[in-house]
Amino acid sequence: MIRRPTKVISRKTDSVRIIKITGRLDPGDNADQLYEMVQRFVEEDEIDFLVDLRSVTYISSTGVGSLIKSYRSVLKQKGHVKLLSPSQSVRNILAISKLDGVFEIFSDESEALASFK
């Protein structure tokens, strides 16, 4: 079975960096694209992130670890990482790992962006 590669793209709206992940959030033995991207932006003094998970089909334990590492890195800079529209299966993983109490989760992008102000 051939898996589609994970895509991680970003755009900026006001002071919030929106990172959209498409495919599987499963860094495994590969580079941790999400964490590396967050680190790059933190080094450029960006501290507010909205991670769009609506197109994530699967999240592994290393994917959960990537979210946690990114969150901790941003928190050290007094920033925020919030999640947008995780699918039901991703929501279940977040609930099982008790991260639904750590991350603010939004289903509406404009509502999520307004929460940063």
PDB file of N, CA and C in Angstrom:
ATOM      1  N   MET A   1       0.828  -1.178   0.000  1.00  0.00           N
ATOM      2  CA  MET A   1       0.000   0.000   0.000  1.00  0.00           C
ATOM      3  C   MET A   1       0.882   1.255   0.000  1.00  0.00           C
ATOM      4  N   ILE A   2       0.636   2.148  -0.925  1.00  0.00           N
ATOM      5  CA  ILE A   2       1.399   3.389  -1.011  1.00  0.00           C
ATOM      6  C   ILE A   2       0.652   4.471  -0.232  1.00  0.00           C
ATOM      7  N   ARG A   3       1.388   5.118   0.649  1.00  0.00           N
ATOM      8  CA  ARG A   3       0.784   6.196   1.433  1.00  0.00           C
ATOM      9  C   ARG A   3       1.127   7.529   0.803  1.00  0.00           C
ATOM     10  N   ARG A   4       0.126   8.399   0.787  1.00  0.00           N
ATOM     11  CA  ARG A   4       0.397   9.756   0.309  1.00  0.00           C
ATOM     12  C   ARG A   4       1.306  10.453   1.303  1.00  0.00           C
ATOM     13  N   PRO A   5       2.234  11.252   0.808  1.00  0.00           N
ATOM     14  CA  PRO A   5       3.088  11.982   1.739  1.00  0.00           C
ATOM     15  C   PRO A   5       2.285  13.040   2.498  1.00  0.00           C
ATOM     16  N   THR A   6       2.711  13.307   3.699  1.00  0.00           N
ATOM     17  CA  THR A   6       2.086  14.346   4.507  1.00  0.00           C
ATOM     18  C   THR A   6       2.522  15.694   3.955  1.00  0.00           C
ATOM     19  N   LYS A   7       1.572  16.612   3.855  1.00  0.00           N
ATOM     20  CA  LYS A   7       1.899  17.976   3.426  1.00  0.00           C
ATOM     21  C   LYS A   7       1.690  18.894   4.622  1.00  0.00           C
ATOM     22  N   VAL A   8       2.629  19.796   4.829  1.00  0.00           N
ATOM     23  CA  VAL A   8       2.525  20.795   5.881  1.00  0.00           C
ATOM     24  C   VAL A   8       2.790  22.143   5.235  1.00  0.00           C
ATOM     25  N   ILE A   9       1.767  22.987   5.193  1.00  0.00           N
ATOM     26  CA  ILE A   9       1.918  24.317   4.593  1.00  0.00           C
ATOM     27  C   ILE A   9       1.463  25.357   5.597  1.00  0.00           C
ATOM     28  N   SER A  10       1.893  26.576   5.404  1.00  0.00           N
ATOM     29  CA  SER A  10       1.492  27.616   6.354  1.00  0.00           C
ATOM     30  C   SER A  10       1.171  28.921   5.639  1.00  0.00           C
ATOM     31  N   ARG A  11       0.405  29.721   6.340  1.00  0.00           N
ATOM     32  CA  ARG A  11       0.104  31.083   5.897  1.00  0.00           C
ATOM     33  C   ARG A  11      -0.075  31.913   7.158  1.00  0.00           C
ATOM     34  N   LYS A  12       0.015  33.214   6.996  1.00  0.00           N
ATOM     35  CA  LYS A  12      -0.099  34.090   8.158  1.00  0.00           C
ATOM     36  C   LYS A  12      -1.315  34.982   8.006  1.00  0.00           C
ATOM     37  N   THR A  13      -2.102  35.079   9.075  1.00  0.00           N
ATOM     38  CA  THR A  13      -3.247  35.971   9.132  1.00  0.00           C
ATOM     39  C   THR A  13      -3.068  36.836  10.372  1.00  0.00           C
ATOM     40  N   ASP A  14      -2.913  38.129  10.179  1.00  0.00           N
ATOM     41  CA  ASP A  14      -2.580  39.047  11.274  1.00  0.00           C
ATOM     42  C   ASP A  14      -1.311  38.542  11.957  1.00  0.00           C
ATOM     43  N   SER A  15      -1.383  38.268  13.257  1.00  0.00           N
ATOM     44  CA  SER A  15      -0.185  37.798  13.964  1.00  0.00           C
ATOM     45  C   SER A  15      -0.205  36.288  14.177  1.00  0.00           C
ATOM     46  N   VAL A  16      -1.160  35.600  13.570  1.00  0.00           N
ATOM     47  CA  VAL A  16      -1.305  34.156  13.790  1.00  0.00           C
ATOM     48  C   VAL A  16      -0.790  33.381  12.579  1.00  0.00           C
ATOM     49  N   ARG A  17       0.067  32.414  12.849  1.00  0.00           N
ATOM     50  CA  ARG A  17       0.575  31.521  11.806  1.00  0.00           C
ATOM     51  C   ARG A  17      -0.357  30.308  11.761  1.00  0.00           C
ATOM     52  N   ILE A  18      -0.989  30.094  10.612  1.00  0.00           N
ATOM     53  CA  ILE A  18      -1.880  28.947  10.431  1.00  0.00           C
ATOM     54  C   ILE A  18      -1.095  27.864   9.709  1.00  0.00           C
ATOM     55  N   ILE A  19      -1.016  26.699  10.332  1.00  0.00           N
ATOM     56  CA  ILE A  19      -0.294  25.572   9.749  1.00  0.00           C
ATOM     57  C   ILE A  19      -1.318  24.502   9.399  1.00  0.00           C
ATOM     58  N   LYS A  20      -1.405  24.187   8.120  1.00  0.00           N
ATOM     59  CA  LYS A  20      -2.366  23.181   7.650  1.00  0.00           C
ATOM     60  C   LYS A  20      -1.627  21.884   7.354  1.00  0.00           C
ATOM     61  N   ILE A  21      -2.114  20.817   7.964  1.00  0.00           N
ATOM     62  CA  ILE A  21      -1.521  19.495   7.747  1.00  0.00           C
ATOM     63  C   ILE A  21      -2.511  18.676   6.927  1.00  0.00           C
ATOM     64  N   THR A  22      -2.012  18.037   5.888  1.00  0.00           N
ATOM     65  CA  THR A  22      -2.837  17.181   5.036  1.00  0.00           C
ATOM     66  C   THR A  22      -2.226  15.784   5.030  1.00  0.00           C
ATOM     67  N   GLY A  23      -3.065  14.782   5.247  1.00  0.00           N
ATOM     68  CA  GLY A  23      -2.592  13.394   5.224  1.00  0.00           C
ATOM     69  C   GLY A  23      -2.429  12.850   6.626  1.00  0.00           C
ATOM     70  N   ARG A  24      -1.345  12.130   6.837  1.00  0.00           N
ATOM     71  CA  ARG A  24      -1.088  11.468   8.112  1.00  0.00           C
ATOM     72  C   ARG A  24      -0.117  12.296   8.952  1.00  0.00           C
ATOM     73  N   LEU A  25      -0.443  12.503  10.206  1.00  0.00           N
ATOM     74  CA  LEU A  25       0.500  13.140  11.128  1.00  0.00           C
ATOM     75  C   LEU A  25       1.212  11.996  11.841  1.00  0.00           C
ATOM     76  N   ASP A  26       2.272  11.530  11.188  1.00  0.00           N
ATOM     77  CA  ASP A  26       2.975  10.332  11.623  1.00  0.00           C
ATOM     78  C   ASP A  26       4.444  10.458  11.227  1.00  0.00           C
ATOM     79  N   PRO A  27       5.210  11.295  11.969  1.00  0.00           N
ATOM     80  CA  PRO A  27       6.602  11.518  11.592  1.00  0.00           C
ATOM     81  C   PRO A  27       7.437  10.232  11.541  1.00  0.00           C
ATOM     82  N   GLY A  28       7.165   9.294  12.444  1.00  0.00           N
ATOM     83  CA  GLY A  28       7.918   8.034  12.446  1.00  0.00           C
ATOM     84  C   GLY A  28       9.410   8.281  12.386  1.00  0.00           C
ATOM     85  N   ASP A  29      10.076   7.646  11.422  1.00  0.00           N
ATOM     86  CA  ASP A  29      11.529   7.804  11.263  1.00  0.00           C
ATOM     87  C   ASP A  29      11.886   8.993  10.382  1.00  0.00           C
ATOM     88  N   ASN A  30      10.878   9.644   9.824  1.00  0.00           N
ATOM     89  CA  ASN A  30      11.119  10.783   8.936  1.00  0.00           C
ATOM     90  C   ASN A  30      11.290  12.069   9.739  1.00  0.00           C
ATOM     91  N   ALA A  31      11.566  13.139   9.030  1.00  0.00           N
ATOM     92  CA  ALA A  31      11.681  14.442   9.682  1.00  0.00           C
ATOM     93  C   ALA A  31      10.324  14.838  10.266  1.00  0.00           C
ATOM     94  N   ASP A  32      10.349  15.500  11.391  1.00  0.00           N
ATOM     95  CA  ASP A  32       9.129  15.971  12.046  1.00  0.00           C
ATOM     96  C   ASP A  32       8.786  17.340  11.459  1.00  0.00           C
ATOM     97  N   GLN A  33       8.048  17.325  10.346  1.00  0.00           N
ATOM     98  CA  GLN A  33       7.777  18.551   9.595  1.00  0.00           C
ATOM     99  C   GLN A  33       7.068  19.610  10.428  1.00  0.00           C
ATOM    100  N   LEU A  34       6.091  19.203  11.221  1.00  0.00           N
ATOM    101  CA  LEU A  34       5.338  20.171  12.031  1.00  0.00           C
ATOM    102  C   LEU A  34       6.258  20.857  13.031  1.00  0.00           C
ATOM    103  N   TYR A  35       6.963  20.091  13.825  1.00  0.00           N
ATOM    104  CA  TYR A  35       7.827  20.657  14.854  1.00  0.00           C
ATOM    105  C   TYR A  35       8.917  21.532  14.235  1.00  0.00           C
ATOM    106  N   GLU A  36       9.520  21.057  13.156  1.00  0.00           N
ATOM    107  CA  GLU A  36      10.581  21.844  12.511  1.00  0.00           C
ATOM    108  C   GLU A  36      10.049  23.173  11.978  1.00  0.00           C
ATOM    109  N   MET A  37       8.839  23.155  11.427  1.00  0.00           N
ATOM    110  CA  MET A  37       8.244  24.386  10.925  1.00  0.00           C
ATOM    111  C   MET A  37       7.951  25.346  12.082  1.00  0.00           C
ATOM    112  N   VAL A  38       7.376  24.826  13.152  1.00  0.00           N
ATOM    113  CA  VAL A  38       7.076  25.665  14.321  1.00  0.00           C
ATOM    114  C   VAL A  38       8.372  26.273  14.863  1.00  0.00           C
ATOM    115  N   GLN A  39       9.412  25.463  14.983  1.00  0.00           N
ATOM    116  CA  GLN A  39      10.696  25.958  15.487  1.00  0.00           C
ATOM    117  C   GLN A  39      11.229  27.094  14.638  1.00  0.00           C
ATOM    118  N   ARG A  40      11.133  26.927  13.309  1.00  0.00           N
ATOM    119  CA  ARG A  40      11.619  27.969  12.386  1.00  0.00           C
ATOM    120  C   ARG A  40      10.885  29.288  12.646  1.00  0.00           C
ATOM    121  N   PHE A  41       9.562  29.216  12.804  1.00  0.00           N
ATOM    122  CA  PHE A  41       8.788  30.443  13.023  1.00  0.00           C
ATOM    123  C   PHE A  41       9.032  31.026  14.413  1.00  0.00           C
ATOM    124  N   VAL A  42       9.214  30.182  15.413  1.00  0.00           N
ATOM    125  CA  VAL A  42       9.517  30.670  16.767  1.00  0.00           C
ATOM    126  C   VAL A  42      10.838  31.438  16.750  1.00  0.00           C
ATOM    127  N   GLU A  43      11.809  30.937  15.998  1.00  0.00           N
ATOM    128  CA  GLU A  43      13.099  31.633  15.868  1.00  0.00           C
ATOM    129  C   GLU A  43      12.941  32.994  15.200  1.00  0.00           C
ATOM    130  N   GLU A  44      11.852  33.171  14.434  1.00  0.00           N
ATOM    131  CA  GLU A  44      11.552  34.454  13.796  1.00  0.00           C
ATOM    132  C   GLU A  44      10.569  35.268  14.638  1.00  0.00           C
ATOM    133  N   ASP A  45      10.438  34.893  15.918  1.00  0.00           N
ATOM    134  CA  ASP A  45       9.600  35.596  16.900  1.00  0.00           C
ATOM    135  C   ASP A  45       8.104  35.482  16.646  1.00  0.00           C
ATOM    136  N   GLU A  46       7.669  34.447  15.966  1.00  0.00           N
ATOM    137  CA  GLU A  46       6.231  34.186  15.857  1.00  0.00           C
ATOM    138  C   GLU A  46       5.861  33.257  17.005  1.00  0.00           C
ATOM    139  N   ILE A  47       4.748  33.573  17.690  1.00  0.00           N
ATOM    140  CA  ILE A  47       4.421  32.776  18.875  1.00  0.00           C
ATOM    141  C   ILE A  47       2.966  32.304  18.930  1.00  0.00           C
ATOM    142  N   ASP A  48       2.153  32.679  17.969  1.00  0.00           N
ATOM    143  CA  ASP A  48       0.755  32.238  17.962  1.00  0.00           C
ATOM    144  C   ASP A  48       0.496  31.362  16.747  1.00  0.00           C
ATOM    145  N   PHE A  49       0.046  30.130  17.021  1.00  0.00           N
ATOM    146  CA  PHE A  49      -0.132  29.133  15.968  1.00  0.00           C
ATOM    147  C   PHE A  49      -1.520  28.510  16.036  1.00  0.00           C
ATOM    148  N   LEU A  50      -2.114  28.350  14.873  1.00  0.00           N
ATOM    149  CA  LEU A  50      -3.367  27.617  14.729  1.00  0.00           C
ATOM    150  C   LEU A  50      -3.057  26.444  13.799  1.00  0.00           C
ATOM    151  N   VAL A  51      -3.183  25.226  14.322  1.00  0.00           N
ATOM    152  CA  VAL A  51      -2.869  24.033  13.545  1.00  0.00           C
ATOM    153  C   VAL A  51      -4.171  23.474  12.987  1.00  0.00           C
ATOM    154  N   ASP A  52      -4.289  23.548  11.671  1.00  0.00           N
ATOM    155  CA  ASP A  52      -5.494  23.095  10.976  1.00  0.00           C
ATOM    156  C   ASP A  52      -5.373  21.590  10.718  1.00  0.00           C
ATOM    157  N   LEU A  53      -6.223  20.818  11.402  1.00  0.00           N
ATOM    158  CA  LEU A  53      -6.160  19.361  11.323  1.00  0.00           C
ATOM    159  C   LEU A  53      -7.307  18.764  10.508  1.00  0.00           C
ATOM    160  N   ARG A  54      -8.080  19.593   9.825  1.00  0.00           N
ATOM    161  CA  ARG A  54      -9.271  19.075   9.134  1.00  0.00           C
ATOM    162  C   ARG A  54      -8.942  18.047   8.058  1.00  0.00           C
ATOM    163  N   SER A  55      -7.736  18.088   7.490  1.00  0.00           N
ATOM    164  CA  SER A  55      -7.367  17.148   6.431  1.00  0.00           C
ATOM    165  C   SER A  55      -6.434  16.040   6.919  1.00  0.00           C
ATOM    166  N   VAL A  56      -6.314  15.902   8.234  1.00  0.00           N
ATOM    167  CA  VAL A  56      -5.484  14.831   8.797  1.00  0.00           C
ATOM    168  C   VAL A  56      -6.335  13.568   8.886  1.00  0.00           C
ATOM    169  N   THR A  57      -5.851  12.512   8.247  1.00  0.00           N
ATOM    170  CA  THR A  57      -6.608  11.260   8.207  1.00  0.00           C
ATOM    171  C   THR A  57      -6.208  10.314   9.332  1.00  0.00           C
ATOM    172  N   TYR A  58      -5.020  10.527   9.912  1.00  0.00           N
ATOM    173  CA  TYR A  58      -4.505   9.614  10.929  1.00  0.00           C
ATOM    174  C   TYR A  58      -3.464  10.357  11.742  1.00  0.00           C
ATOM    175  N   ILE A  59      -3.420  10.093  13.047  1.00  0.00           N
ATOM    176  CA  ILE A  59      -2.373  10.650  13.893  1.00  0.00           C
ATOM    177  C   ILE A  59      -1.797   9.527  14.744  1.00  0.00           C
ATOM    178  N   SER A  60      -0.485   9.367  14.681  1.00  0.00           N
ATOM    179  CA  SER A  60       0.189   8.310  15.441  1.00  0.00           C
ATOM    180  C   SER A  60       0.651   8.863  16.787  1.00  0.00           C
ATOM    181  N   SER A  61       1.228   7.995  17.599  1.00  0.00           N
ATOM    182  CA  SER A  61       1.756   8.458  18.886  1.00  0.00           C
ATOM    183  C   SER A  61       2.901   9.444  18.667  1.00  0.00           C
ATOM    184  N   THR A  62       3.698   9.249  17.611  1.00  0.00           N
ATOM    185  CA  THR A  62       4.761  10.223  17.333  1.00  0.00           C
ATOM    186  C   THR A  62       4.171  11.534  16.818  1.00  0.00           C
ATOM    187  N   GLY A  63       3.029  11.462  16.148  1.00  0.00           N
ATOM    188  CA  GLY A  63       2.319  12.673  15.730  1.00  0.00           C
ATOM    189  C   GLY A  63       1.810  13.443  16.940  1.00  0.00           C
ATOM    190  N   VAL A  64       1.281  12.723  17.922  1.00  0.00           N
ATOM    191  CA  VAL A  64       0.852  13.349  19.177  1.00  0.00           C
ATOM    192  C   VAL A  64       2.066  13.987  19.844  1.00  0.00           C
ATOM    193  N   GLY A  65       3.193  13.281  19.825  1.00  0.00           N
ATOM    194  CA  GLY A  65       4.430  13.822  20.395  1.00  0.00           C
ATOM    195  C   GLY A  65       4.870  15.095  19.692  1.00  0.00           C
ATOM    196  N   SER A  66       4.678  15.146  18.386  1.00  0.00           N
ATOM    197  CA  SER A  66       5.024  16.333  17.608  1.00  0.00           C
ATOM    198  C   SER A  66       4.178  17.530  18.047  1.00  0.00           C
ATOM    199  N   LEU A  67       2.878  17.295  18.255  1.00  0.00           N
ATOM    200  CA  LEU A  67       2.001  18.371  18.755  1.00  0.00           C
ATOM    201  C   LEU A  67       2.471  18.857  20.126  1.00  0.00           C
ATOM    202  N   ILE A  68       2.811  17.910  21.008  1.00  0.00           N
ATOM    203  CA  ILE A  68       3.242  18.259  22.366  1.00  0.00           C
ATOM    204  C   ILE A  68       4.558  19.032  22.338  1.00  0.00           C
ATOM    205  N   LYS A  69       5.528  18.566  21.544  1.00  0.00           N
ATOM    206  CA  LYS A  69       6.815  19.270  21.443  1.00  0.00           C
ATOM    207  C   LYS A  69       6.611  20.690  20.922  1.00  0.00           C
ATOM    208  N   SER A  70       5.762  20.823  19.914  1.00  0.00           N
ATOM    209  CA  SER A  70       5.491  22.148  19.347  1.00  0.00           C
ATOM    210  C   SER A  70       4.847  23.040  20.397  1.00  0.00           C
ATOM    211  N   TYR A  71       3.876  22.499  21.120  1.00  0.00           N
ATOM    212  CA  TYR A  71       3.168  23.237  22.165  1.00  0.00           C
ATOM    213  C   TYR A  71       4.147  23.725  23.234  1.00  0.00           C
ATOM    214  N   ARG A  72       5.000  22.837  23.704  1.00  0.00           N
ATOM    215  CA  ARG A  72       5.973  23.205  24.759  1.00  0.00           C
ATOM    216  C   ARG A  72       6.938  24.280  24.287  1.00  0.00           C
ATOM    217  N   SER A  73       7.404  24.141  23.061  1.00  0.00           N
ATOM    218  CA  SER A  73       8.346  25.103  22.491  1.00  0.00           C
ATOM    219  C   SER A  73       7.725  26.503  22.431  1.00  0.00           C
ATOM    220  N   VAL A  74       6.475  26.562  21.997  1.00  0.00           N
ATOM    221  CA  VAL A  74       5.769  27.843  21.867  1.00  0.00           C
ATOM    222  C   VAL A  74       5.426  28.401  23.248  1.00  0.00           C
ATOM    223  N   LEU A  75       5.043  27.529  24.164  1.00  0.00           N
ATOM    224  CA  LEU A  75       4.683  27.950  25.522  1.00  0.00           C
ATOM    225  C   LEU A  75       5.870  28.627  26.219  1.00  0.00           C
ATOM    226  N   LYS A  76       7.085  28.142  25.967  1.00  0.00           N
ATOM    227  CA  LYS A  76       8.292  28.756  26.544  1.00  0.00           C
ATOM    228  C   LYS A  76       8.429  30.210  26.120  1.00  0.00           C
ATOM    229  N   GLN A  77       7.898  30.540  24.942  1.00  0.00           N
ATOM    230  CA  GLN A  77       7.963  31.909  24.424  1.00  0.00           C
ATOM    231  C   GLN A  77       6.701  32.698  24.776  1.00  0.00           C
ATOM    232  N   LYS A  78       5.870  32.120  25.630  1.00  0.00           N
ATOM    233  CA  LYS A  78       4.595  32.721  26.065  1.00  0.00           C
ATOM    234  C   LYS A  78       3.595  32.855  24.910  1.00  0.00           C
ATOM    235  N   GLY A  79       3.664  31.893  23.996  1.00  0.00           N
ATOM    236  CA  GLY A  79       2.754  31.877  22.858  1.00  0.00           C
ATOM    237  C   GLY A  79       1.651  30.854  23.036  1.00  0.00           C
ATOM    238  N   HIS A  80       0.919  30.617  21.954  1.00  0.00           N
ATOM    239  CA  HIS A  80      -0.225  29.699  21.988  1.00  0.00           C
ATOM    240  C   HIS A  80      -0.230  28.791  20.767  1.00  0.00           C
ATOM    241  N   VAL A  81      -0.651  27.554  20.995  1.00  0.00           N
ATOM    242  CA  VAL A  81      -0.916  26.615  19.900  1.00  0.00           C
ATOM    243  C   VAL A  81      -2.352  26.154  20.101  1.00  0.00           C
ATOM    244  N   LYS A  82      -3.182  26.412  19.098  1.00  0.00           N
ATOM    245  CA  LYS A  82      -4.588  26.011  19.150  1.00  0.00           C
ATOM    246  C   LYS A  82      -4.871  25.128  17.946  1.00  0.00           C
ATOM    247  N   LEU A  83      -5.876  24.280  18.063  1.00  0.00           N
ATOM    248  CA  LEU A  83      -6.182  23.318  17.004  1.00  0.00           C
ATOM    249  C   LEU A  83      -7.484  23.673  16.319  1.00  0.00           C
ATOM    250  N   LEU A  84      -7.526  23.422  15.011  1.00  0.00           N
ATOM    251  CA  LEU A  84      -8.709  23.720  14.212  1.00  0.00           C
ATOM    252  C   LEU A  84      -9.237  22.456  13.550  1.00  0.00           C
ATOM    253  N   SER A  85     -10.491  22.172  13.775  1.00  0.00           N
ATOM    254  CA  SER A  85     -11.271  21.152  13.065  1.00  0.00           C
ATOM    255  C   SER A  85     -10.651  19.760  12.963  1.00  0.00           C
ATOM    256  N   PRO A  86     -10.212  19.177  14.082  1.00  0.00           N
ATOM    257  CA  PRO A  86      -9.729  17.799  13.959  1.00  0.00           C
ATOM    258  C   PRO A  86     -10.887  16.861  13.603  1.00  0.00           C
ATOM    259  N   SER A  87     -10.599  15.850  12.787  1.00  0.00           N
ATOM    260  CA  SER A  87     -11.622  14.859  12.439  1.00  0.00           C
ATOM    261  C   SER A  87     -12.019  14.096  13.703  1.00  0.00           C
ATOM    262  N   GLN A  88     -13.072  13.330  13.619  1.00  0.00           N
ATOM    263  CA  GLN A  88     -13.538  12.584  14.789  1.00  0.00           C
ATOM    264  C   GLN A  88     -12.480  11.595  15.273  1.00  0.00           C
ATOM    265  N   SER A  89     -11.803  10.937  14.355  1.00  0.00           N
ATOM    266  CA  SER A  89     -10.774   9.974  14.790  1.00  0.00           C
ATOM    267  C   SER A  89      -9.607  10.687  15.482  1.00  0.00           C
ATOM    268  N   VAL A  90      -9.229  11.853  14.983  1.00  0.00           N
ATOM    269  CA  VAL A  90      -8.156  12.625  15.625  1.00  0.00           C
ATOM    270  C   VAL A  90      -8.639  13.144  16.975  1.00  0.00           C
ATOM    271  N   ARG A  91      -9.892  13.597  17.058  1.00  0.00           N
ATOM    272  CA  ARG A  91     -10.468  14.030  18.343  1.00  0.00           C
ATOM    273  C   ARG A  91     -10.428  12.901  19.373  1.00  0.00           C
ATOM    274  N   ASN A  92     -10.720  11.681  18.911  1.00  0.00           N
ATOM    275  CA  ASN A  92     -10.686  10.533  19.825  1.00  0.00           C
ATOM    276  C   ASN A  92      -9.289  10.313  20.388  1.00  0.00           C
ATOM    277  N   ILE A  93      -8.274  10.419  19.532  1.00  0.00           N
ATOM    278  CA  ILE A  93      -6.887  10.259  19.987  1.00  0.00           C
ATOM    279  C   ILE A  93      -6.530  11.375  20.974  1.00  0.00           C
ATOM    280  N   LEU A  94      -6.954  12.602  20.678  1.00  0.00           N
ATOM    281  CA  LEU A  94      -6.684  13.722  21.589  1.00  0.00           C
ATOM    282  C   LEU A  94      -7.367  13.492  22.935  1.00  0.00           C
ATOM    283  N   ALA A  95      -8.585  12.951  22.908  1.00  0.00           N
ATOM    284  CA  ALA A  95      -9.320  12.677  24.153  1.00  0.00           C
ATOM    285  C   ALA A  95      -8.650  11.560  24.941  1.00  0.00           C
ATOM    286  N   ILE A  96      -8.274  10.481  24.266  1.00  0.00           N
ATOM    287  CA  ILE A  96      -7.624   9.349  24.942  1.00  0.00           C
ATOM    288  C   ILE A  96      -6.325   9.785  25.595  1.00  0.00           C
ATOM    289  N   SER A  97      -5.571  10.648  24.909  1.00  0.00           N
ATOM    290  CA  SER A  97      -4.295  11.119  25.452  1.00  0.00           C
ATOM    291  C   SER A  97      -4.469  12.346  26.350  1.00  0.00           C
ATOM    292  N   LYS A  98      -5.714  12.712  26.618  1.00  0.00           N
ATOM    293  CA  LYS A  98      -6.070  13.827  27.506  1.00  0.00           C
ATOM    294  C   LYS A  98      -5.568  15.184  27.010  1.00  0.00           C
ATOM    295  N   LEU A  99      -5.285  15.280  25.721  1.00  0.00           N
ATOM    296  CA  LEU A  99      -4.812  16.539  25.159  1.00  0.00           C
ATOM    297  C   LEU A  99      -5.957  17.478  24.807  1.00  0.00           C
ATOM    298  N   ASP A 100      -7.177  16.964  24.805  1.00  0.00           N
ATOM    299  CA  ASP A 100      -8.321  17.843  24.542  1.00  0.00           C
ATOM    300  C   ASP A 100      -8.524  18.827  25.690  1.00  0.00           C
ATOM    301  N   GLY A 101      -7.886  18.568  26.829  1.00  0.00           N
ATOM    302  CA  GLY A 101      -7.915  19.503  27.948  1.00  0.00           C
ATOM    303  C   GLY A 101      -6.723  20.453  27.943  1.00  0.00           C
ATOM    304  N   VAL A 102      -5.746  20.170  27.105  1.00  0.00           N
ATOM    305  CA  VAL A 102      -4.540  20.999  27.008  1.00  0.00           C
ATOM    306  C   VAL A 102      -4.692  22.029  25.895  1.00  0.00           C
ATOM    307  N   PHE A 103      -5.115  21.551  24.730  1.00  0.00           N
ATOM    308  CA  PHE A 103      -5.262  22.421  23.561  1.00  0.00           C
ATOM    309  C   PHE A 103      -6.665  23.003  23.507  1.00  0.00           C
ATOM    310  N   GLU A 104      -6.756  24.268  23.110  1.00  0.00           N
ATOM    311  CA  GLU A 104      -8.059  24.823  22.755  1.00  0.00           C
ATOM    312  C   GLU A 104      -8.363  24.310  21.352  1.00  0.00           C
ATOM    313  N   ILE A 105      -9.575  23.782  21.175  1.00  0.00           N
ATOM    314  CA  ILE A 105      -9.964  23.195  19.895  1.00  0.00           C
ATOM    315  C   ILE A 105     -11.158  23.964  19.342  1.00  0.00           C
ATOM    316  N   PHE A 106     -11.039  24.392  18.087  1.00  0.00           N
ATOM    317  CA  PHE A 106     -12.083  25.177  17.436  1.00  0.00           C
ATOM    318  C   PHE A 106     -12.568  24.472  16.178  1.00  0.00           C
ATOM    319  N   SER A 107     -13.820  24.718  15.834  1.00  0.00           N
ATOM    320  CA  SER A 107     -14.342  24.177  14.574  1.00  0.00           C
ATOM    321  C   SER A 107     -14.506  25.289  13.536  1.00  0.00           C
ATOM    322  N   ASP A 108     -14.371  26.547  13.954  1.00  0.00           N
ATOM    323  CA  ASP A 108     -14.533  27.688  13.053  1.00  0.00           C
ATOM    324  C   ASP A 108     -13.243  28.514  13.040  1.00  0.00           C
ATOM    325  N   GLU A 109     -12.682  28.728  11.848  1.00  0.00           N
ATOM    326  CA  GLU A 109     -11.402  29.439  11.751  1.00  0.00           C
ATOM    327  C   GLU A 109     -11.485  30.875  12.251  1.00  0.00           C
ATOM    328  N   SER A 110     -12.537  31.603  11.898  1.00  0.00           N
ATOM    329  CA  SER A 110     -12.612  33.000  12.328  1.00  0.00           C
ATOM    330  C   SER A 110     -12.768  33.107  13.849  1.00  0.00           C
ATOM    331  N   GLU A 111     -13.492  32.169  14.442  1.00  0.00           N
ATOM    332  CA  GLU A 111     -13.634  32.130  15.902  1.00  0.00           C
ATOM    333  C   GLU A 111     -12.263  31.821  16.549  1.00  0.00           C
ATOM    334  N   ALA A 112     -11.548  30.890  15.953  1.00  0.00           N
ATOM    335  CA  ALA A 112     -10.220  30.540  16.461  1.00  0.00           C
ATOM    336  C   ALA A 112      -9.276  31.741  16.376  1.00  0.00           C
ATOM    337  N   LEU A 113      -9.260  32.421  15.244  1.00  0.00           N
ATOM    338  CA  LEU A 113      -8.388  33.594  15.075  1.00  0.00           C
ATOM    339  C   LEU A 113      -8.755  34.692  16.058  1.00  0.00           C
ATOM    340  N   ALA A 114     -10.034  34.909  16.281  1.00  0.00           N
ATOM    341  CA  ALA A 114     -10.480  35.945  17.234  1.00  0.00           C
ATOM    342  C   ALA A 114     -10.021  35.620  18.660  1.00  0.00           C
ATOM    343  N   SER A 115      -9.869  34.332  18.977  1.00  0.00           N
ATOM    344  CA  SER A 115      -9.471  33.936  20.336  1.00  0.00           C
ATOM    345  C   SER A 115      -8.034  34.331  20.670  1.00  0.00           C
ATOM    346  N   PHE A 116      -7.233  34.658  19.678  1.00  0.00           N
ATOM    347  CA  PHE A 116      -5.859  35.061  19.923  1.00  0.00           C
ATOM    348  C   PHE A 116      -5.755  36.520  20.361  1.00  0.00           C
ATOM    349  N   LYS A 117      -6.818  37.296  20.139  1.00  0.00           N
ATOM    350  CA  LYS A 117      -6.766  38.735  20.438  1.00  0.00           C
ATOM    351  C   LYS A 117      -7.009  39.009  21.889  1.00  0.00           C
TER     352      LYS A 117
END
